N, C-alpha and C. Protein backbone atom coordinates (compact mmCIF):
# COMPACT_ATOMS: atom_id res chain seq x y z
N UNK A 1 11.96 -14.71 28.71
CA UNK A 1 12.64 -13.79 28.97
C UNK A 1 12.15 -12.49 29.52
N UNK A 2 12.48 -11.93 30.88
CA UNK A 2 11.85 -10.46 31.17
C UNK A 2 12.71 -9.53 30.79
N UNK A 3 12.08 -8.56 31.13
CA UNK A 3 12.82 -7.29 30.36
C UNK A 3 14.04 -6.79 31.22
N UNK A 4 14.63 -7.22 31.94
CA UNK A 4 16.02 -6.92 32.94
C UNK A 4 16.95 -7.79 31.60
N UNK A 5 16.76 -9.10 31.69
CA UNK A 5 17.37 -9.74 30.97
C UNK A 5 17.59 -9.24 29.51
N UNK A 6 16.40 -9.30 28.66
CA UNK A 6 16.34 -8.73 27.53
C UNK A 6 17.30 -7.64 27.21
N UNK A 7 17.32 -6.33 28.01
CA UNK A 7 18.00 -5.13 28.20
C UNK A 7 19.63 -5.54 28.44
N UNK A 8 19.95 -6.35 28.95
CA UNK A 8 21.38 -6.62 29.51
C UNK A 8 21.87 -7.31 27.83
N UNK A 9 21.07 -8.12 27.12
CA UNK A 9 21.46 -9.11 26.05
C UNK A 9 21.47 -7.49 25.20
N UNK A 10 20.43 -6.64 24.87
CA UNK A 10 20.71 -5.86 24.35
C UNK A 10 21.92 -4.47 24.61
N UNK A 11 22.16 -4.38 25.62
CA UNK A 11 23.53 -3.49 26.16
C UNK A 11 25.03 -4.29 25.75
N UNK A 12 24.91 -5.92 25.63
CA UNK A 12 25.78 -6.19 25.51
C UNK A 12 25.78 -6.37 23.89
N UNK A 13 24.99 -5.90 23.17
CA UNK A 13 25.08 -6.55 21.79
C UNK A 13 25.67 -4.81 21.10
N UNK A 14 25.10 -4.01 21.85
CA UNK A 14 25.61 -2.59 21.23
C UNK A 14 27.15 -2.45 22.04
N UNK A 15 27.67 -2.95 22.96
CA UNK A 15 28.72 -2.96 23.46
C UNK A 15 29.85 -3.57 22.30
N UNK A 16 29.20 -4.90 21.74
CA UNK A 16 30.06 -5.76 20.83
C UNK A 16 30.05 -5.12 19.26
N UNK A 17 28.85 -4.54 19.26
CA UNK A 17 28.69 -3.50 17.82
C UNK A 17 29.85 -2.63 17.48
N UNK A 18 29.83 -1.89 18.60
CA UNK A 18 30.77 -0.64 18.75
C UNK A 18 32.12 -1.30 19.09
N UNK A 19 32.45 -2.15 19.57
CA UNK A 19 33.74 -2.44 19.35
C UNK A 19 34.14 -3.42 17.96
N UNK A 20 33.00 -3.72 17.55
CA UNK A 20 33.29 -4.48 16.14
C UNK A 20 33.90 -3.27 15.16
N UNK A 21 33.02 -2.30 15.13
CA UNK A 21 33.32 -1.12 14.23
C UNK A 21 34.36 -0.41 14.92
N UNK A 22 34.98 -0.43 15.84
CA UNK A 22 36.22 0.26 16.25
C UNK A 22 37.32 -0.56 15.85
N UNK A 23 36.92 -2.09 15.74
CA UNK A 23 38.09 -2.66 15.21
C UNK A 23 38.28 -3.05 13.89
N UNK A 24 37.19 -2.54 13.04
CA UNK A 24 37.57 -2.63 11.55
C UNK A 24 38.21 -1.41 11.29
N UNK A 25 38.29 -0.24 11.78
CA UNK A 25 39.43 0.94 11.85
C UNK A 25 40.61 0.25 12.07
N UNK A 26 41.01 -0.81 12.52
CA UNK A 26 42.46 -1.15 13.05
C UNK A 26 42.81 -2.10 12.06
N UNK A 27 42.17 -2.58 11.21
CA UNK A 27 42.54 -3.52 10.26
C UNK A 27 43.41 -3.19 9.15
N UNK A 28 44.50 -2.77 9.09
CA UNK A 28 45.55 -2.21 8.15
C UNK A 28 46.63 -2.90 7.97
N UNK A 29 47.29 -2.55 6.79
CA UNK A 29 48.48 -3.60 6.62
C UNK A 29 49.54 -3.16 7.53
N UNK A 30 50.04 -4.04 8.24
CA UNK A 30 51.33 -3.93 9.42
C UNK A 30 50.59 -3.93 10.62
N UNK A 31 49.49 -3.63 11.11
CA UNK A 31 48.57 -4.03 11.92
C UNK A 31 48.86 -5.40 12.99
N UNK A 32 49.44 -5.32 13.83
CA UNK A 32 49.55 -6.51 14.48
C UNK A 32 48.64 -7.33 15.05
N UNK A 33 48.06 -8.60 15.19
CA UNK A 33 47.02 -9.35 15.54
C UNK A 33 46.83 -9.13 17.25
N UNK A 34 48.20 -9.02 17.78
CA UNK A 34 48.04 -8.60 19.11
C UNK A 34 47.66 -7.29 19.62
N UNK A 35 47.93 -6.42 18.96
CA UNK A 35 47.60 -5.03 19.27
C UNK A 35 46.19 -4.65 19.08
N UNK A 36 45.65 -5.29 17.68
CA UNK A 36 44.51 -5.13 17.74
C UNK A 36 43.33 -5.81 18.58
N UNK A 37 44.02 -7.00 18.94
CA UNK A 37 42.98 -7.68 19.94
C UNK A 37 43.00 -6.97 20.83
N UNK A 38 43.99 -6.44 21.79
CA UNK A 38 44.01 -5.79 22.96
C UNK A 38 43.37 -4.69 22.90
N UNK A 39 43.44 -3.81 21.64
CA UNK A 39 42.72 -2.45 21.60
C UNK A 39 41.44 -2.72 21.82
N UNK A 40 40.86 -3.80 20.77
CA UNK A 40 39.35 -4.25 20.81
C UNK A 40 38.98 -4.49 22.70
N UNK A 41 39.54 -5.40 23.16
CA UNK A 41 39.07 -6.11 24.01
C UNK A 41 39.36 -4.83 25.54
N UNK A 42 40.19 -4.07 25.27
CA UNK A 42 39.89 -2.56 25.89
C UNK A 42 38.72 -2.04 25.73
N UNK A 43 38.40 -1.63 24.62
CA UNK A 43 37.13 -1.12 24.19
C UNK A 43 35.97 -1.69 24.85
N UNK A 44 35.84 -2.68 24.68
CA UNK A 44 34.83 -3.60 25.41
C UNK A 44 34.71 -3.10 26.86
N UNK A 45 35.78 -3.33 27.51
CA UNK A 45 36.22 -2.98 29.11
C UNK A 45 35.74 -1.57 29.08
N UNK A 46 36.07 -0.70 28.40
CA UNK A 46 35.88 0.40 28.80
C UNK A 46 34.52 0.94 28.29
N UNK A 47 33.61 0.29 27.77
CA UNK A 47 32.13 0.48 27.43
C UNK A 47 31.49 -0.20 28.53
N UNK A 48 32.14 -0.78 29.48
CA UNK A 48 31.27 -1.58 30.37
C UNK A 48 30.90 -3.05 30.41
N UNK A 49 31.51 -3.55 29.49
CA UNK A 49 31.32 -5.21 29.10
C UNK A 49 32.23 -5.75 29.68
N UNK A 50 32.17 -7.29 29.37
CA UNK A 50 33.16 -8.13 30.10
C UNK A 50 33.52 -8.95 28.59
N UNK A 51 34.70 -9.58 28.52
CA UNK A 51 34.82 -10.37 27.33
C UNK A 51 34.04 -11.49 27.62
N UNK A 52 33.15 -11.96 26.37
CA UNK A 52 32.57 -13.20 26.26
C UNK A 52 33.83 -14.14 25.74
N UNK A 53 34.74 -13.63 25.05
CA UNK A 53 35.84 -14.34 24.87
C UNK A 53 36.71 -13.82 24.10
N UNK A 54 37.77 -14.60 23.98
CA UNK A 54 39.26 -13.68 23.19
C UNK A 54 38.74 -13.40 21.80
N UNK A 55 38.95 -12.19 21.34
CA UNK A 55 38.86 -11.58 20.27
C UNK A 55 39.58 -12.32 19.38
N UNK A 56 39.22 -12.74 18.14
CA UNK A 56 39.33 -13.72 17.38
C UNK A 56 39.55 -13.24 15.79
N UNK A 57 40.40 -13.25 15.23
CA UNK A 57 41.32 -12.32 13.89
C UNK A 57 41.56 -13.59 13.38
N UNK A 58 41.01 -13.98 12.15
CA UNK A 58 41.50 -14.83 11.37
C UNK A 58 41.70 -14.42 9.79
N UNK A 59 42.74 -15.12 9.40
CA UNK A 59 42.93 -14.43 8.12
C UNK A 59 42.99 -15.61 6.94
N UNK A 60 42.57 -15.37 5.38
CA UNK A 60 42.67 -15.75 4.34
C UNK A 60 41.96 -17.68 4.70
N UNK A 61 43.17 -18.42 4.84
CA UNK A 61 42.64 -19.90 4.69
C UNK A 61 41.88 -20.30 6.36
N UNK A 62 42.28 -19.44 7.05
CA UNK A 62 42.11 -19.93 8.69
C UNK A 62 40.52 -19.22 8.27
N UNK A 63 39.97 -20.26 8.79
CA UNK A 63 38.35 -19.76 8.33
C UNK A 63 37.89 -19.21 9.88
N UNK A 64 38.39 -19.21 11.32
CA UNK A 64 37.87 -18.51 12.01
C UNK A 64 38.64 -18.97 13.35
N UNK A 65 38.32 -18.40 14.32
CA UNK A 65 38.52 -18.65 15.63
C UNK A 65 39.96 -18.39 16.21
N UNK A 66 40.82 -17.77 15.26
CA UNK A 66 42.46 -17.40 15.96
C UNK A 66 41.98 -16.54 16.90
N UNK A 67 43.29 -16.76 18.23
CA UNK A 67 43.17 -15.77 18.69
C UNK A 67 44.42 -15.42 19.30
N UNK A 68 45.17 -14.28 19.05
CA UNK A 68 46.42 -14.08 19.25
C UNK A 68 47.24 -14.47 20.47
N UNK A 69 48.12 -14.95 20.86
CA UNK A 69 48.66 -15.09 22.17
C UNK A 69 49.41 -14.06 22.57
N UNK A 70 50.06 -14.10 23.79
CA UNK A 70 50.64 -12.96 24.57
C UNK A 70 52.39 -12.69 23.78
N UNK A 71 52.58 -13.72 22.65
CA UNK A 71 53.71 -13.17 22.05
C UNK A 71 53.42 -13.44 20.66
N UNK A 72 52.20 -13.07 20.19
CA UNK A 72 52.10 -13.35 18.99
C UNK A 72 52.73 -12.19 17.61
N UNK A 73 53.23 -12.43 16.70
CA UNK A 73 54.02 -12.00 15.66
C UNK A 73 53.29 -11.43 14.86
N UNK A 74 52.39 -12.14 14.08
CA UNK A 74 51.46 -12.04 12.61
C UNK A 74 51.00 -10.76 12.69
N UNK A 75 51.37 -10.03 11.56
CA UNK A 75 50.53 -9.10 11.23
C UNK A 75 49.58 -9.24 9.90
N UNK A 76 48.84 -7.88 9.83
CA UNK A 76 48.07 -8.20 8.57
C UNK A 76 49.23 -7.47 7.08
N UNK A 77 48.63 -8.13 6.65
CA UNK A 77 48.95 -7.34 4.74
C UNK A 77 48.19 -7.20 3.92
N UNK A 78 48.39 -6.08 3.17
CA UNK A 78 47.61 -6.05 1.81
C UNK A 78 47.07 -7.36 1.24
N UNK A 79 45.62 -7.33 1.12
CA UNK A 79 45.10 -8.77 0.41
C UNK A 79 44.64 -9.73 1.20
N UNK A 80 45.04 -9.24 2.56
CA UNK A 80 44.13 -10.65 3.55
C UNK A 80 43.17 -10.33 3.64
N UNK A 81 42.17 -11.37 3.42
CA UNK A 81 40.85 -11.44 3.90
C UNK A 81 40.79 -11.86 5.30
N UNK A 82 40.17 -10.61 6.29
CA UNK A 82 40.20 -10.80 7.60
C UNK A 82 38.87 -11.15 8.20
N UNK A 83 38.45 -12.31 9.34
CA UNK A 83 37.40 -12.52 9.91
C UNK A 83 37.80 -11.57 11.23
N UNK A 84 37.19 -10.96 11.64
CA UNK A 84 36.97 -10.22 13.28
C UNK A 84 35.67 -10.55 13.67
N UNK A 85 35.92 -11.70 14.90
CA UNK A 85 34.94 -12.15 15.67
C UNK A 85 35.12 -11.49 17.29
N UNK A 86 33.92 -10.81 17.64
CA UNK A 86 33.93 -10.20 18.78
C UNK A 86 32.89 -10.59 19.69
N UNK A 87 33.15 -10.79 21.17
CA UNK A 87 32.19 -11.06 22.04
C UNK A 87 31.86 -10.34 23.38
N UNK A 88 30.85 -10.13 23.66
CA UNK A 88 30.89 -8.79 24.74
C UNK A 88 29.64 -9.64 25.85
N UNK A 89 29.86 -9.32 26.88
CA UNK A 89 28.84 -9.76 27.98
C UNK A 89 28.37 -8.64 29.14
N UNK A 90 27.14 -8.71 29.51
CA UNK A 90 27.01 -7.72 30.70
C UNK A 90 26.27 -8.70 31.28
N UNK A 91 26.65 -9.08 32.31
CA UNK A 91 26.39 -9.69 33.71
C UNK A 91 25.87 -11.29 32.98
N UNK A 92 27.09 -11.85 32.29
CA UNK A 92 26.87 -13.24 31.31
C UNK A 92 26.30 -13.12 30.64
N UNK A 93 25.28 -12.12 30.07
CA UNK A 93 24.30 -12.24 28.89
C UNK A 93 25.26 -11.80 27.69
N UNK A 94 25.47 -12.76 27.09
CA UNK A 94 26.25 -12.86 25.42
C UNK A 94 25.83 -11.90 24.14
N UNK A 95 26.78 -11.02 23.95
CA UNK A 95 26.56 -11.07 22.27
C UNK A 95 27.59 -11.27 21.79
N UNK A 96 27.55 -11.52 20.48
CA UNK A 96 28.77 -12.07 19.75
C UNK A 96 28.44 -11.68 18.50
N UNK A 97 29.61 -10.76 17.62
CA UNK A 97 29.24 -10.41 16.08
C UNK A 97 30.73 -10.49 15.43
N UNK A 98 30.56 -10.68 14.35
CA UNK A 98 31.84 -10.63 13.29
C UNK A 98 31.58 -10.16 12.06
N UNK A 99 32.58 -9.55 11.59
CA UNK A 99 32.74 -9.44 10.13
C UNK A 99 33.93 -9.74 9.30
N UNK A 100 33.49 -9.47 8.21
CA UNK A 100 35.18 -9.97 7.16
C UNK A 100 34.74 -8.76 6.16
N UNK A 101 36.52 -8.67 6.14
CA UNK A 101 36.84 -7.75 4.94
C UNK A 101 38.33 -8.16 4.67
N UNK A 102 38.40 -6.98 3.13
CA UNK A 102 39.44 -7.40 2.57
C UNK A 102 40.26 -6.25 2.67
N UNK A 103 41.75 -6.45 3.12
CA UNK A 103 42.73 -5.18 3.15
C UNK A 103 42.99 -4.71 1.64
N UNK A 104 42.62 -3.21 1.64
CA UNK A 104 42.99 -2.92 0.68
C UNK A 104 42.99 -3.48 -0.44
N UNK A 105 41.89 -3.92 -0.91
CA UNK A 105 41.86 -5.00 -2.20
C UNK A 105 40.39 -4.96 -2.51
N UNK A 106 39.78 -5.33 -3.37
CA UNK A 106 38.35 -5.82 -3.67
C UNK A 106 38.31 -7.33 -4.59
N UNK A 107 39.05 -8.21 -4.50
CA UNK A 107 39.03 -9.13 -5.22
C UNK A 107 38.22 -10.37 -4.65
N UNK A 108 37.72 -10.09 -3.40
CA UNK A 108 36.61 -11.03 -2.76
C UNK A 108 35.40 -10.42 -2.43
N UNK A 109 35.25 -9.27 -3.08
CA UNK A 109 33.74 -8.80 -2.94
C UNK A 109 32.75 -9.37 -2.57
N UNK A 110 32.51 -10.08 -4.16
CA UNK A 110 31.29 -11.15 -4.37
C UNK A 110 31.17 -12.41 -2.94
N UNK A 111 32.13 -12.91 -2.53
CA UNK A 111 32.25 -13.96 -1.61
C UNK A 111 31.81 -12.99 -0.16
N UNK A 112 32.00 -11.81 0.19
CA UNK A 112 31.54 -11.41 1.38
C UNK A 112 30.46 -10.76 1.20
N UNK A 113 30.25 -10.40 -0.13
CA UNK A 113 28.63 -10.01 -0.12
C UNK A 113 27.59 -10.99 -0.28
N UNK A 114 27.99 -12.09 -0.60
CA UNK A 114 27.43 -13.41 -0.35
C UNK A 114 27.07 -14.10 0.84
N UNK A 115 27.88 -13.71 1.83
CA UNK A 115 28.12 -14.48 3.32
C UNK A 115 26.95 -13.29 3.90
N UNK A 116 27.45 -11.93 3.92
CA UNK A 116 26.54 -10.80 4.46
C UNK A 116 24.89 -10.96 3.84
N UNK A 117 24.87 -11.24 2.65
CA UNK A 117 23.39 -11.52 1.88
C UNK A 117 22.66 -12.80 2.90
N UNK A 118 23.64 -13.80 2.95
CA UNK A 118 22.86 -14.83 3.71
C UNK A 118 22.72 -14.48 5.30
N UNK A 119 23.28 -14.27 6.01
CA UNK A 119 23.13 -13.59 7.00
C UNK A 119 21.91 -13.03 7.11
N UNK A 120 21.85 -11.71 6.62
CA UNK A 120 20.76 -11.00 6.41
C UNK A 120 19.60 -11.73 6.30
N UNK A 121 19.42 -12.65 5.04
CA UNK A 121 18.21 -13.54 4.92
C UNK A 121 17.95 -14.25 6.05
N UNK A 122 18.97 -14.91 6.80
CA UNK A 122 18.83 -15.74 8.04
C UNK A 122 17.91 -15.09 8.87
N UNK A 123 18.49 -13.72 9.15
CA UNK A 123 18.09 -12.75 10.31
C UNK A 123 16.85 -12.77 9.95
N UNK A 124 16.05 -12.33 8.50
CA UNK A 124 14.96 -12.07 8.62
C UNK A 124 14.25 -13.17 8.71
N UNK A 125 14.13 -14.24 8.52
CA UNK A 125 13.39 -15.95 8.72
C UNK A 125 13.11 -15.84 9.94
N UNK A 126 13.97 -15.62 11.10
CA UNK A 126 14.03 -15.92 12.45
C UNK A 126 12.63 -15.28 13.37
N UNK A 127 11.89 -16.19 13.55
CA UNK A 127 10.60 -15.95 14.17
C UNK A 127 10.05 -17.46 14.98
N UNK A 128 9.13 -16.88 16.11
CA UNK A 128 8.98 -18.21 16.67
C UNK A 128 8.42 -19.39 15.92
N UNK A 129 9.04 -20.51 16.14
CA UNK A 129 8.28 -21.44 15.44
C UNK A 129 9.28 -22.13 14.16
N UNK A 130 10.28 -21.17 13.75
CA UNK A 130 10.86 -21.40 12.58
C UNK A 130 11.66 -22.56 13.00
N UNK A 131 11.94 -23.54 11.76
CA UNK A 131 12.67 -24.72 11.76
C UNK A 131 13.93 -24.19 11.41
N UNK A 132 14.83 -24.83 12.35
CA UNK A 132 16.23 -24.53 12.01
C UNK A 132 16.80 -25.04 10.63
N UNK A 133 16.15 -26.05 9.92
CA UNK A 133 16.61 -26.29 8.48
C UNK A 133 15.99 -25.35 7.48
N UNK A 134 15.19 -24.40 7.94
CA UNK A 134 14.54 -23.69 6.91
C UNK A 134 15.70 -22.37 6.68
N UNK A 135 16.46 -21.88 7.78
CA UNK A 135 17.43 -20.92 8.08
C UNK A 135 18.28 -21.46 7.26
N UNK A 136 19.07 -22.47 7.31
CA UNK A 136 20.54 -23.32 7.02
C UNK A 136 19.86 -23.50 5.27
N UNK A 137 18.83 -23.87 4.84
CA UNK A 137 18.32 -23.76 3.51
C UNK A 137 18.55 -22.46 3.00
N UNK A 138 17.98 -21.42 3.50
CA UNK A 138 18.01 -20.07 2.63
C UNK A 138 19.51 -19.51 2.96
N UNK A 139 20.08 -19.71 3.77
CA UNK A 139 21.72 -19.29 3.72
C UNK A 139 22.38 -20.20 2.34
N UNK A 140 21.74 -21.41 2.76
CA UNK A 140 22.53 -22.24 1.33
C UNK A 140 22.43 -21.31 0.07
N UNK A 141 21.00 -21.49 -0.01
CA UNK A 141 20.48 -21.03 -1.55
C UNK A 141 21.07 -19.48 -1.96
N UNK A 142 21.16 -18.75 -0.87
CA UNK A 142 21.37 -17.28 -1.12
C UNK A 142 22.90 -17.33 -1.29
N UNK A 143 23.64 -18.29 -0.74
CA UNK A 143 25.28 -18.27 -1.26
C UNK A 143 25.35 -18.71 -2.68
N UNK A 144 24.74 -19.75 -2.77
CA UNK A 144 24.91 -20.67 -3.62
C UNK A 144 24.45 -19.39 -5.22
N UNK A 145 23.53 -18.66 -5.05
CA UNK A 145 23.09 -17.77 -5.95
C UNK A 145 24.14 -17.02 -6.46
N UNK A 146 25.05 -16.91 -5.74
CA UNK A 146 26.24 -16.05 -6.44
C UNK A 146 27.25 -17.07 -6.90
N UNK A 147 27.02 -18.11 -7.00
CA UNK A 147 28.07 -18.81 -7.83
C UNK A 147 29.23 -19.56 -7.03
């Protein structure tokens, strides 16, 4: 990968991370999925990125990849576990980032921490020549260590 391509990936990553962090602050009881998605997508565009895919906001038993439609009326409630998944691109070079939070409660702190620690462990393993099964094994072991 040449430096120009690498720089576009990094730029997309910075935009996606900033949009994710902006989005976290929108996750409040009573906030509508559609409003949250529109604001995050506007932030990506404002920062000079393109939308890699529609903002995904999933709650509770919906594991991932729910995107609100133009007439969506779903709102967030206290105690919801929310997965926010955002993608930005710069000239087609995509960055994808996600976060899981709980709305005004701490019932699932351990589950959220287990997921975060598993991601960190996977990232720390990534290097040239690593076998994917080694990363998967580390993720599984990290999650299992939380019971």
